[in-house]
Amino acid sequence: MDVPRSLTAQLYLLAYDPRKERVVTNFRFPYLLRAAALTDLLLTGRIADDGGKVRVVSEERLADPVLDGLLHQIAQSGPRPWRHWIGKDTRATARAVRDELETKRWIRVELRQPFLVFNRSHVRVRDTRVVKRLATQFSAALTGPVSRVGDHEAALVGLAAAAELGTILPRARRRAYKQRIALLSERGGPATPALRKVIQQAHAMSGG
């Protein structure tokens, strides 16, 4: 069974709650997707860290609308801190990830109360076996031999932990694997600690 390859798509699908039968999001989720997109670009050699700032290495396209759009945005702007890019255009990125997954038929977007001013939508995964496979891979990275964990899987765990993605890493699990998460987070690249700081700042500004 195939699964999406990008961190953005994988984390979006891992936010699926089988009990509620929908993707569960919160204020941290759009920041998570932005950080994931940056990490995707980093792992594919399109960008690099330059003294705490994001620098474009290659503008070669990846045939992924979300990643190619972000890469173009960074190239047009010039080097800026990782936190800047994580906090920029978050809603647009979240919508773009959702739209791409819907286009590729990984998910189905259902509008609720369509005749009201503020529409609400529920996102359902078309084949929950995809989520189960991703969750199995995630668990292997969290509990299996560290030597077998690739950079992509390490980044997936680090990003999910930084955003407290409860569907895959509830609080009890984060506590139980605190040391492993810290170890994998170090391999995930600069976007992971930057994501943590952005979320902390957003939480403080909201009075939480």
N, C-alpha and C. Protein backbone atom coordinates (compact mmCIF):
# COMPACT_ATOMS: atom_id res chain seq x y z
N MET A 1 0.83 -1.20 0.00
CA MET A 1 0.00 0.00 0.00
C MET A 1 0.87 1.25 0.00
N ASP A 2 0.57 2.16 -0.92
CA ASP A 2 1.31 3.40 -1.00
C ASP A 2 0.85 4.37 0.09
N VAL A 3 1.78 5.23 0.51
CA VAL A 3 1.45 6.33 1.42
C VAL A 3 2.11 7.59 0.86
N PRO A 4 1.58 8.77 1.17
CA PRO A 4 2.23 10.00 0.71
C PRO A 4 3.65 10.08 1.25
N ARG A 5 4.53 10.69 0.49
CA ARG A 5 5.94 10.71 0.89
C ARG A 5 6.35 11.96 1.68
N SER A 6 5.65 13.06 1.47
CA SER A 6 6.07 14.30 2.13
C SER A 6 5.69 14.30 3.60
N LEU A 7 6.48 15.00 4.40
CA LEU A 7 6.18 15.15 5.82
C LEU A 7 4.86 15.89 6.02
N THR A 8 4.60 16.87 5.18
CA THR A 8 3.37 17.65 5.31
C THR A 8 2.15 16.73 5.17
N ALA A 9 2.14 15.91 4.14
CA ALA A 9 1.01 15.01 3.91
C ALA A 9 0.91 13.96 5.01
N GLN A 10 2.04 13.40 5.42
CA GLN A 10 2.02 12.36 6.45
C GLN A 10 1.51 12.89 7.78
N LEU A 11 1.96 14.08 8.17
CA LEU A 11 1.52 14.65 9.44
C LEU A 11 0.05 15.03 9.39
N TYR A 12 -0.40 15.49 8.22
CA TYR A 12 -1.82 15.81 8.09
C TYR A 12 -2.66 14.54 8.31
N LEU A 13 -2.26 13.46 7.68
CA LEU A 13 -3.01 12.22 7.82
C LEU A 13 -2.90 11.62 9.22
N LEU A 14 -1.77 11.82 9.87
CA LEU A 14 -1.59 11.32 11.23
C LEU A 14 -2.43 12.09 12.25
N ALA A 15 -2.98 13.21 11.83
CA ALA A 15 -3.88 13.98 12.69
C ALA A 15 -5.31 13.43 12.64
N TYR A 16 -5.49 12.35 11.91
CA TYR A 16 -6.81 11.72 11.81
C TYR A 16 -7.12 10.97 13.09
N ASP A 17 -8.31 11.24 13.65
CA ASP A 17 -8.77 10.56 14.86
C ASP A 17 -9.82 9.53 14.45
N PRO A 18 -9.51 8.23 14.55
CA PRO A 18 -10.46 7.20 14.11
C PRO A 18 -11.75 7.19 14.92
N ARG A 19 -11.71 7.61 16.17
CA ARG A 19 -12.92 7.63 16.99
C ARG A 19 -13.88 8.72 16.53
N LYS A 20 -13.31 9.88 16.20
CA LYS A 20 -14.14 10.99 15.72
C LYS A 20 -14.37 10.93 14.21
N GLU A 21 -13.60 10.06 13.56
CA GLU A 21 -13.68 9.87 12.11
C GLU A 21 -13.44 11.17 11.34
N ARG A 22 -12.46 11.90 11.77
CA ARG A 22 -12.09 13.13 11.06
C ARG A 22 -10.69 13.56 11.49
N VAL A 23 -10.11 14.44 10.68
CA VAL A 23 -8.81 15.03 11.02
C VAL A 23 -9.03 16.11 12.06
N VAL A 24 -8.30 16.02 13.16
CA VAL A 24 -8.47 16.96 14.27
C VAL A 24 -7.35 18.00 14.23
N THR A 25 -7.73 19.25 14.20
CA THR A 25 -6.74 20.33 14.14
C THR A 25 -6.91 21.28 15.32
N ASN A 26 -5.85 22.06 15.59
CA ASN A 26 -5.90 23.10 16.61
C ASN A 26 -4.99 24.24 16.17
N PHE A 27 -4.73 25.20 17.05
CA PHE A 27 -3.96 26.38 16.65
C PHE A 27 -2.52 26.02 16.28
N ARG A 28 -2.01 24.89 16.78
CA ARG A 28 -0.64 24.48 16.49
C ARG A 28 -0.50 23.86 15.11
N PHE A 29 -1.58 23.33 14.59
CA PHE A 29 -1.52 22.51 13.38
C PHE A 29 -0.97 23.24 12.15
N PRO A 30 -1.44 24.45 11.82
CA PRO A 30 -0.88 25.15 10.65
C PRO A 30 0.62 25.42 10.78
N TYR A 31 1.08 25.73 12.00
CA TYR A 31 2.52 25.93 12.20
C TYR A 31 3.28 24.62 11.96
N LEU A 32 2.68 23.52 12.39
CA LEU A 32 3.29 22.21 12.18
C LEU A 32 3.48 21.93 10.69
N LEU A 33 2.47 22.24 9.90
CA LEU A 33 2.55 21.97 8.46
C LEU A 33 3.59 22.86 7.79
N ARG A 34 3.71 24.10 8.23
CA ARG A 34 4.74 24.99 7.67
C ARG A 34 6.14 24.46 8.01
N ALA A 35 6.33 24.05 9.26
CA ALA A 35 7.63 23.50 9.67
C ALA A 35 7.93 22.21 8.93
N ALA A 36 6.90 21.41 8.69
CA ALA A 36 7.09 20.16 7.95
C ALA A 36 7.50 20.44 6.51
N ALA A 37 6.87 21.44 5.89
CA ALA A 37 7.22 21.80 4.51
C ALA A 37 8.66 22.29 4.43
N LEU A 38 9.07 23.08 5.39
CA LEU A 38 10.47 23.54 5.42
C LEU A 38 11.43 22.36 5.58
N THR A 39 11.06 21.41 6.42
CA THR A 39 11.92 20.24 6.64
C THR A 39 11.97 19.37 5.40
N ASP A 40 10.84 19.26 4.69
CA ASP A 40 10.84 18.54 3.41
C ASP A 40 11.84 19.17 2.45
N LEU A 41 11.82 20.49 2.37
CA LEU A 41 12.74 21.20 1.47
C LEU A 41 14.19 21.02 1.91
N LEU A 42 14.40 20.99 3.22
CA LEU A 42 15.75 20.78 3.75
C LEU A 42 16.27 19.39 3.42
N LEU A 43 15.43 18.37 3.65
CA LEU A 43 15.85 16.99 3.43
C LEU A 43 16.05 16.66 1.95
N THR A 44 15.41 17.41 1.08
CA THR A 44 15.57 17.17 -0.36
C THR A 44 16.63 18.08 -0.97
N GLY A 45 17.34 18.83 -0.12
CA GLY A 45 18.46 19.64 -0.58
C GLY A 45 18.09 20.93 -1.28
N ARG A 46 16.84 21.37 -1.11
CA ARG A 46 16.43 22.63 -1.75
C ARG A 46 16.82 23.85 -0.93
N ILE A 47 16.84 23.70 0.38
CA ILE A 47 17.24 24.80 1.25
C ILE A 47 18.27 24.29 2.26
N ALA A 48 18.91 25.24 2.94
CA ALA A 48 19.89 24.90 3.96
C ALA A 48 19.84 25.94 5.06
N ASP A 49 20.43 25.60 6.18
CA ASP A 49 20.52 26.55 7.29
C ASP A 49 21.79 27.38 7.12
N ASP A 50 21.64 28.69 7.18
CA ASP A 50 22.78 29.59 7.03
C ASP A 50 22.79 30.56 8.22
N GLY A 51 23.45 30.14 9.30
CA GLY A 51 23.52 30.98 10.49
C GLY A 51 22.17 31.28 11.10
N GLY A 52 21.29 30.28 11.11
CA GLY A 52 19.97 30.47 11.69
C GLY A 52 18.94 31.01 10.72
N LYS A 53 19.34 31.17 9.46
CA LYS A 53 18.41 31.64 8.44
C LYS A 53 18.27 30.60 7.34
N VAL A 54 17.14 30.66 6.65
CA VAL A 54 16.87 29.72 5.56
C VAL A 54 17.46 30.27 4.27
N ARG A 55 18.29 29.46 3.63
CA ARG A 55 18.91 29.87 2.37
C ARG A 55 18.56 28.85 1.29
N VAL A 56 18.21 29.34 0.12
CA VAL A 56 17.88 28.46 -1.00
C VAL A 56 19.16 27.92 -1.62
N VAL A 57 19.20 26.61 -1.81
CA VAL A 57 20.35 25.94 -2.42
C VAL A 57 20.04 25.60 -3.87
N SER A 58 18.82 25.13 -4.10
CA SER A 58 18.40 24.76 -5.44
C SER A 58 16.93 25.09 -5.62
N GLU A 59 16.57 25.64 -6.77
CA GLU A 59 15.17 25.96 -7.06
C GLU A 59 14.53 24.90 -7.94
N GLU A 60 15.16 23.74 -8.04
CA GLU A 60 14.59 22.65 -8.82
C GLU A 60 13.27 22.20 -8.19
N ARG A 61 12.24 22.13 -9.00
CA ARG A 61 10.91 21.81 -8.50
C ARG A 61 10.79 20.35 -8.08
N LEU A 62 9.84 20.12 -7.16
CA LEU A 62 9.61 18.79 -6.62
C LEU A 62 8.29 18.18 -7.09
N ALA A 63 7.57 18.87 -7.94
CA ALA A 63 6.26 18.43 -8.41
C ALA A 63 5.28 18.29 -7.25
N ASP A 64 5.45 19.12 -6.25
CA ASP A 64 4.55 19.18 -5.10
C ASP A 64 4.14 20.64 -4.96
N PRO A 65 2.88 20.98 -5.21
CA PRO A 65 2.45 22.39 -5.19
C PRO A 65 2.76 23.11 -3.88
N VAL A 66 2.62 22.41 -2.76
CA VAL A 66 2.87 23.03 -1.46
C VAL A 66 4.35 23.39 -1.30
N LEU A 67 5.21 22.41 -1.57
CA LEU A 67 6.65 22.61 -1.40
C LEU A 67 7.20 23.57 -2.45
N ASP A 68 6.75 23.44 -3.68
CA ASP A 68 7.24 24.33 -4.74
C ASP A 68 6.81 25.77 -4.49
N GLY A 69 5.62 25.94 -3.96
CA GLY A 69 5.15 27.29 -3.64
C GLY A 69 5.96 27.93 -2.53
N LEU A 70 6.27 27.16 -1.51
CA LEU A 70 7.08 27.68 -0.40
C LEU A 70 8.51 27.97 -0.86
N LEU A 71 9.06 27.09 -1.67
CA LEU A 71 10.42 27.30 -2.18
C LEU A 71 10.50 28.58 -2.99
N HIS A 72 9.51 28.82 -3.83
CA HIS A 72 9.48 30.05 -4.63
C HIS A 72 9.36 31.27 -3.72
N GLN A 73 8.56 31.15 -2.70
CA GLN A 73 8.37 32.26 -1.75
C GLN A 73 9.69 32.61 -1.05
N ILE A 74 10.42 31.59 -0.63
CA ILE A 74 11.70 31.82 0.05
C ILE A 74 12.71 32.43 -0.92
N ALA A 75 12.74 31.91 -2.14
CA ALA A 75 13.69 32.41 -3.14
C ALA A 75 13.44 33.87 -3.48
N GLN A 76 12.18 34.27 -3.49
CA GLN A 76 11.83 35.65 -3.80
C GLN A 76 12.17 36.60 -2.67
N SER A 77 12.19 36.09 -1.45
CA SER A 77 12.39 36.94 -0.27
C SER A 77 13.85 37.08 0.15
N GLY A 78 14.61 36.02 0.02
CA GLY A 78 15.97 36.05 0.53
C GLY A 78 16.02 35.44 1.92
N PRO A 79 17.23 35.28 2.49
CA PRO A 79 17.40 34.59 3.77
C PRO A 79 16.63 35.27 4.92
N ARG A 80 15.86 34.49 5.61
CA ARG A 80 15.14 34.93 6.81
C ARG A 80 15.16 33.80 7.84
N PRO A 81 14.96 34.12 9.12
CA PRO A 81 14.99 33.07 10.15
C PRO A 81 13.93 32.00 9.94
N TRP A 82 14.21 30.83 10.46
CA TRP A 82 13.26 29.72 10.34
C TRP A 82 11.92 30.09 10.96
N ARG A 83 11.93 30.77 12.09
CA ARG A 83 10.67 31.14 12.75
C ARG A 83 9.82 32.05 11.88
N HIS A 84 10.46 32.89 11.08
CA HIS A 84 9.72 33.77 10.17
C HIS A 84 8.89 32.94 9.20
N TRP A 85 9.51 31.94 8.59
CA TRP A 85 8.81 31.14 7.59
C TRP A 85 7.77 30.21 8.20
N ILE A 86 8.01 29.76 9.42
CA ILE A 86 7.02 28.90 10.09
C ILE A 86 5.76 29.69 10.42
N GLY A 87 5.92 30.95 10.77
CA GLY A 87 4.77 31.76 11.16
C GLY A 87 4.08 32.49 10.03
N LYS A 88 4.57 32.35 8.81
CA LYS A 88 4.04 33.10 7.67
C LYS A 88 3.06 32.25 6.86
N ASP A 89 1.92 32.85 6.50
CA ASP A 89 0.94 32.22 5.60
C ASP A 89 0.53 30.82 6.06
N THR A 90 0.34 30.66 7.34
CA THR A 90 0.05 29.33 7.89
C THR A 90 -1.29 28.77 7.39
N ARG A 91 -2.31 29.61 7.38
CA ARG A 91 -3.64 29.12 6.96
C ARG A 91 -3.63 28.73 5.48
N ALA A 92 -2.93 29.53 4.69
CA ALA A 92 -2.86 29.23 3.26
C ALA A 92 -2.17 27.89 3.02
N THR A 93 -1.12 27.63 3.80
CA THR A 93 -0.40 26.36 3.65
C THR A 93 -1.27 25.19 4.09
N ALA A 94 -1.96 25.34 5.21
CA ALA A 94 -2.84 24.28 5.69
C ALA A 94 -3.91 23.95 4.65
N ARG A 95 -4.47 24.98 4.04
CA ARG A 95 -5.49 24.77 3.01
C ARG A 95 -4.87 24.10 1.78
N ALA A 96 -3.65 24.53 1.42
CA ALA A 96 -2.99 23.96 0.25
C ALA A 96 -2.68 22.48 0.45
N VAL A 97 -2.24 22.12 1.65
CA VAL A 97 -1.97 20.71 1.96
C VAL A 97 -3.27 19.91 1.87
N ARG A 98 -4.33 20.45 2.46
CA ARG A 98 -5.62 19.77 2.42
C ARG A 98 -6.11 19.60 0.98
N ASP A 99 -6.01 20.67 0.20
CA ASP A 99 -6.49 20.62 -1.19
C ASP A 99 -5.71 19.59 -2.01
N GLU A 100 -4.39 19.54 -1.79
CA GLU A 100 -3.57 18.58 -2.53
C GLU A 100 -3.92 17.14 -2.16
N LEU A 101 -4.14 16.90 -0.88
CA LEU A 101 -4.53 15.57 -0.44
C LEU A 101 -5.91 15.19 -0.98
N GLU A 102 -6.78 16.18 -1.08
CA GLU A 102 -8.11 15.91 -1.64
C GLU A 102 -8.00 15.62 -3.14
N THR A 103 -7.17 16.39 -3.84
CA THR A 103 -6.97 16.17 -5.27
C THR A 103 -6.41 14.78 -5.54
N LYS A 104 -5.48 14.35 -4.69
CA LYS A 104 -4.87 13.03 -4.86
C LYS A 104 -5.74 11.90 -4.28
N ARG A 105 -6.90 12.29 -3.74
CA ARG A 105 -7.90 11.36 -3.23
C ARG A 105 -7.43 10.58 -1.99
N TRP A 106 -6.60 11.21 -1.19
CA TRP A 106 -6.24 10.62 0.10
C TRP A 106 -7.32 10.94 1.14
N ILE A 107 -7.97 12.10 0.96
CA ILE A 107 -8.98 12.54 1.93
C ILE A 107 -10.25 12.98 1.20
N ARG A 108 -11.31 13.16 1.99
CA ARG A 108 -12.57 13.70 1.48
C ARG A 108 -12.99 14.83 2.41
N VAL A 109 -13.24 16.00 1.86
CA VAL A 109 -13.64 17.17 2.65
C VAL A 109 -15.16 17.29 2.60
N GLU A 110 -15.77 17.27 3.79
CA GLU A 110 -17.22 17.34 3.88
C GLU A 110 -17.62 18.66 4.54
N LEU A 111 -18.41 19.45 3.83
CA LEU A 111 -18.89 20.71 4.38
C LEU A 111 -20.07 20.45 5.30
N ARG A 112 -20.04 21.09 6.46
CA ARG A 112 -21.14 21.01 7.40
C ARG A 112 -21.81 22.38 7.48
N GLN A 113 -23.11 22.38 7.62
CA GLN A 113 -23.89 23.62 7.71
C GLN A 113 -23.53 24.58 6.58
N PRO A 114 -23.63 24.15 5.33
CA PRO A 114 -23.16 24.94 4.19
C PRO A 114 -23.92 26.23 3.94
N PHE A 115 -25.09 26.39 4.56
CA PHE A 115 -25.88 27.58 4.30
C PHE A 115 -25.66 28.68 5.33
N LEU A 116 -24.82 28.41 6.29
CA LEU A 116 -24.48 29.44 7.28
C LEU A 116 -23.31 30.27 6.77
N VAL A 117 -23.12 31.45 7.38
CA VAL A 117 -22.04 32.35 6.95
C VAL A 117 -20.68 31.68 7.14
N PHE A 118 -20.50 31.02 8.29
CA PHE A 118 -19.23 30.36 8.57
C PHE A 118 -19.38 28.85 8.38
N ASN A 119 -18.90 28.38 7.25
CA ASN A 119 -18.97 26.95 6.97
C ASN A 119 -17.96 26.18 7.81
N ARG A 120 -18.35 25.01 8.22
CA ARG A 120 -17.42 24.13 8.92
C ARG A 120 -17.23 22.89 8.08
N SER A 121 -16.01 22.43 8.02
CA SER A 121 -15.74 21.25 7.20
C SER A 121 -15.09 20.16 8.05
N HIS A 122 -15.45 18.95 7.76
CA HIS A 122 -14.82 17.78 8.37
C HIS A 122 -13.99 17.08 7.31
N VAL A 123 -12.79 16.70 7.67
CA VAL A 123 -11.91 16.01 6.73
C VAL A 123 -11.84 14.54 7.14
N ARG A 124 -12.22 13.68 6.23
CA ARG A 124 -12.18 12.24 6.47
C ARG A 124 -11.13 11.59 5.57
N VAL A 125 -10.42 10.64 6.11
CA VAL A 125 -9.45 9.88 5.32
C VAL A 125 -10.19 8.79 4.55
N ARG A 126 -9.93 8.70 3.27
CA ARG A 126 -10.66 7.74 2.44
C ARG A 126 -10.33 6.28 2.79
N ASP A 127 -9.08 6.01 3.05
CA ASP A 127 -8.66 4.64 3.38
C ASP A 127 -7.86 4.69 4.68
N THR A 128 -8.47 4.32 5.77
CA THR A 128 -7.82 4.44 7.08
C THR A 128 -6.62 3.50 7.22
N ARG A 129 -6.49 2.55 6.31
CA ARG A 129 -5.30 1.68 6.35
C ARG A 129 -4.03 2.48 6.10
N VAL A 130 -4.15 3.58 5.36
CA VAL A 130 -3.00 4.45 5.12
C VAL A 130 -2.54 5.06 6.44
N VAL A 131 -3.48 5.52 7.24
CA VAL A 131 -3.15 6.10 8.55
C VAL A 131 -2.51 5.04 9.45
N LYS A 132 -3.06 3.84 9.43
CA LYS A 132 -2.52 2.75 10.26
C LYS A 132 -1.08 2.42 9.86
N ARG A 133 -0.82 2.44 8.56
CA ARG A 133 0.55 2.14 8.11
C ARG A 133 1.51 3.26 8.54
N LEU A 134 1.08 4.50 8.41
CA LEU A 134 1.91 5.61 8.85
C LEU A 134 2.15 5.55 10.36
N ALA A 135 1.11 5.19 11.10
CA ALA A 135 1.24 5.09 12.55
C ALA A 135 2.21 3.98 12.93
N THR A 136 2.20 2.89 12.18
CA THR A 136 3.13 1.78 12.43
C THR A 136 4.57 2.22 12.18
N GLN A 137 4.77 2.95 11.09
CA GLN A 137 6.11 3.47 10.78
C GLN A 137 6.57 4.46 11.85
N PHE A 138 5.63 5.27 12.31
CA PHE A 138 5.93 6.24 13.35
C PHE A 138 6.36 5.52 14.63
N SER A 139 5.61 4.50 15.00
CA SER A 139 5.93 3.74 16.22
C SER A 139 7.27 3.04 16.12
N ALA A 140 7.60 2.57 14.92
CA ALA A 140 8.90 1.91 14.72
C ALA A 140 10.05 2.89 14.96
N ALA A 141 9.84 4.14 14.52
CA ALA A 141 10.87 5.15 14.75
C ALA A 141 10.99 5.51 16.22
N LEU A 142 9.87 5.42 16.91
CA LEU A 142 9.84 5.80 18.32
C LEU A 142 10.36 4.71 19.24
N THR A 143 10.18 3.46 18.84
CA THR A 143 10.50 2.34 19.75
C THR A 143 11.57 1.39 19.23
N GLY A 144 11.82 1.39 17.92
CA GLY A 144 12.79 0.46 17.35
C GLY A 144 14.22 0.94 17.50
N PRO A 145 15.16 0.18 16.94
CA PRO A 145 16.58 0.56 17.00
C PRO A 145 16.81 1.92 16.34
N VAL A 146 17.53 2.79 17.03
CA VAL A 146 17.80 4.13 16.52
C VAL A 146 18.56 4.08 15.20
N SER A 147 19.42 3.08 15.06
CA SER A 147 20.24 2.97 13.86
C SER A 147 19.41 2.75 12.60
N ARG A 148 18.19 2.30 12.76
CA ARG A 148 17.32 2.04 11.61
C ARG A 148 16.39 3.21 11.29
N VAL A 149 16.46 4.26 12.08
CA VAL A 149 15.58 5.41 11.88
C VAL A 149 16.25 6.40 10.93
N GLY A 150 15.63 6.65 9.79
CA GLY A 150 16.15 7.60 8.83
C GLY A 150 15.87 9.04 9.23
N ASP A 151 16.47 9.97 8.53
CA ASP A 151 16.28 11.38 8.85
C ASP A 151 14.83 11.82 8.68
N HIS A 152 14.16 11.27 7.68
CA HIS A 152 12.76 11.61 7.44
C HIS A 152 11.90 11.19 8.63
N GLU A 153 12.09 9.96 9.10
CA GLU A 153 11.31 9.45 10.22
C GLU A 153 11.65 10.20 11.51
N ALA A 154 12.94 10.53 11.68
CA ALA A 154 13.36 11.29 12.86
C ALA A 154 12.68 12.66 12.87
N ALA A 155 12.62 13.30 11.72
CA ALA A 155 11.97 14.60 11.61
C ALA A 155 10.48 14.49 11.89
N LEU A 156 9.86 13.42 11.42
CA LEU A 156 8.44 13.21 11.63
C LEU A 156 8.12 13.15 13.12
N VAL A 157 8.92 12.40 13.87
CA VAL A 157 8.71 12.29 15.31
C VAL A 157 8.96 13.62 16.00
N GLY A 158 10.06 14.29 15.65
CA GLY A 158 10.40 15.56 16.29
C GLY A 158 9.34 16.62 16.06
N LEU A 159 8.85 16.72 14.84
CA LEU A 159 7.84 17.72 14.52
C LEU A 159 6.52 17.42 15.23
N ALA A 160 6.11 16.16 15.23
CA ALA A 160 4.87 15.77 15.91
C ALA A 160 4.94 16.07 17.40
N ALA A 161 6.11 15.83 17.99
CA ALA A 161 6.28 16.11 19.41
C ALA A 161 6.26 17.61 19.69
N ALA A 162 6.93 18.38 18.85
CA ALA A 162 6.98 19.84 19.05
C ALA A 162 5.59 20.46 18.98
N ALA A 163 4.73 19.90 18.12
CA ALA A 163 3.38 20.43 17.97
C ALA A 163 2.36 19.69 18.86
N GLU A 164 2.87 18.76 19.67
CA GLU A 164 2.01 17.99 20.57
C GLU A 164 0.82 17.39 19.82
N LEU A 165 1.13 16.67 18.75
CA LEU A 165 0.10 16.06 17.91
C LEU A 165 -0.51 14.87 18.66
N GLY A 166 -1.63 15.13 19.31
CA GLY A 166 -2.20 14.19 20.26
C GLY A 166 -2.69 12.89 19.68
N THR A 167 -3.05 12.86 18.40
CA THR A 167 -3.55 11.63 17.80
C THR A 167 -2.48 10.56 17.72
N ILE A 168 -1.23 10.97 17.60
CA ILE A 168 -0.12 10.02 17.49
C ILE A 168 0.83 10.09 18.68
N LEU A 169 0.87 11.26 19.33
CA LEU A 169 1.75 11.44 20.49
C LEU A 169 1.00 12.12 21.63
N PRO A 170 0.09 11.40 22.29
CA PRO A 170 -0.56 11.98 23.47
C PRO A 170 0.46 12.23 24.57
N ARG A 171 0.05 12.99 25.56
CA ARG A 171 0.99 13.41 26.62
C ARG A 171 1.71 12.23 27.27
N ALA A 172 0.99 11.18 27.58
CA ALA A 172 1.60 10.03 28.25
C ALA A 172 2.69 9.40 27.39
N ARG A 173 2.46 9.34 26.09
CA ARG A 173 3.45 8.76 25.19
C ARG A 173 4.66 9.68 25.05
N ARG A 174 4.42 10.98 25.03
CA ARG A 174 5.55 11.92 24.96
C ARG A 174 6.43 11.79 26.19
N ARG A 175 5.81 11.61 27.34
CA ARG A 175 6.58 11.45 28.58
C ARG A 175 7.35 10.13 28.58
N ALA A 176 6.70 9.08 28.14
CA ALA A 176 7.33 7.75 28.15
C ALA A 176 8.55 7.68 27.24
N TYR A 177 8.52 8.43 26.15
CA TYR A 177 9.63 8.38 25.18
C TYR A 177 10.35 9.72 25.06
N LYS A 178 10.41 10.42 26.18
CA LYS A 178 10.99 11.76 26.19
C LYS A 178 12.42 11.78 25.66
N GLN A 179 13.25 10.85 26.12
CA GLN A 179 14.65 10.82 25.70
C GLN A 179 14.78 10.48 24.22
N ARG A 180 14.01 9.51 23.76
CA ARG A 180 14.06 9.14 22.34
C ARG A 180 13.60 10.30 21.46
N ILE A 181 12.55 10.98 21.88
CA ILE A 181 12.05 12.13 21.13
C ILE A 181 13.10 13.22 21.04
N ALA A 182 13.78 13.48 22.15
CA ALA A 182 14.83 14.50 22.17
C ALA A 182 15.96 14.12 21.21
N LEU A 183 16.32 12.85 21.20
CA LEU A 183 17.38 12.36 20.33
C LEU A 183 17.01 12.51 18.86
N LEU A 184 15.79 12.11 18.52
CA LEU A 184 15.34 12.20 17.13
C LEU A 184 15.13 13.66 16.70
N SER A 185 14.70 14.48 17.62
CA SER A 185 14.46 15.89 17.30
C SER A 185 15.74 16.59 16.87
N GLU A 186 16.86 16.19 17.46
CA GLU A 186 18.15 16.78 17.11
C GLU A 186 18.51 16.50 15.65
N ARG A 187 18.00 15.41 15.11
CA ARG A 187 18.30 15.03 13.73
C ARG A 187 17.30 15.63 12.74
N GLY A 188 16.25 16.23 13.26
CA GLY A 188 15.19 16.72 12.39
C GLY A 188 15.45 18.04 11.70
N GLY A 189 16.52 18.72 12.10
CA GLY A 189 16.83 19.99 11.47
C GLY A 189 16.33 21.19 12.26
N PRO A 190 16.67 22.40 11.81
CA PRO A 190 16.37 23.63 12.55
C PRO A 190 14.89 23.96 12.67
N ALA A 191 14.05 23.40 11.80
CA ALA A 191 12.62 23.76 11.83
C ALA A 191 11.94 23.25 13.10
N THR A 192 12.44 22.15 13.66
CA THR A 192 11.79 21.56 14.84
C THR A 192 11.91 22.46 16.07
N PRO A 193 13.11 22.89 16.47
CA PRO A 193 13.18 23.82 17.62
C PRO A 193 12.52 25.16 17.32
N ALA A 194 12.58 25.60 16.06
CA ALA A 194 11.94 26.86 15.69
C ALA A 194 10.42 26.74 15.83
N LEU A 195 9.88 25.59 15.45
CA LEU A 195 8.45 25.34 15.59
C LEU A 195 8.04 25.42 17.06
N ARG A 196 8.84 24.83 17.92
CA ARG A 196 8.52 24.85 19.34
C ARG A 196 8.46 26.28 19.87
N LYS A 197 9.38 27.12 19.44
CA LYS A 197 9.41 28.51 19.89
C LYS A 197 8.24 29.31 19.35
N VAL A 198 7.90 29.07 18.08
CA VAL A 198 6.76 29.78 17.47
C VAL A 198 5.47 29.43 18.20
N ILE A 199 5.29 28.17 18.53
CA ILE A 199 4.08 27.74 19.23
C ILE A 199 4.02 28.34 20.63
N GLN A 200 5.15 28.35 21.31
CA GLN A 200 5.21 28.95 22.65
C GLN A 200 4.84 30.43 22.60
N GLN A 201 5.36 31.12 21.60
CA GLN A 201 5.07 32.54 21.46
C GLN A 201 3.58 32.77 21.12
N ALA A 202 3.03 31.96 20.24
CA ALA A 202 1.62 32.10 19.87
C ALA A 202 0.73 31.80 21.07
N HIS A 203 1.12 30.82 21.85
CA HIS A 203 0.34 30.46 23.05
C HIS A 203 0.37 31.59 24.07
N ALA A 204 1.55 32.20 24.23
CA ALA A 204 1.68 33.31 25.18
C ALA A 204 0.86 34.53 24.72
N MET A 205 0.87 34.80 23.44
CA MET A 205 0.14 35.96 22.91
C MET A 205 -1.38 35.77 23.01
N SER A 206 -1.81 34.51 23.00
CA SER A 206 -3.24 34.24 23.11
C SER A 206 -3.73 34.26 24.55
N GLY A 207 -2.76 34.42 25.46
CA GLY A 207 -3.11 34.47 26.86
C GLY A 207 -3.29 33.11 27.49
N GLY A 208 -2.82 32.09 26.77
CA GLY A 208 -2.98 30.71 27.26
C GLY A 208 -1.93 30.32 28.26
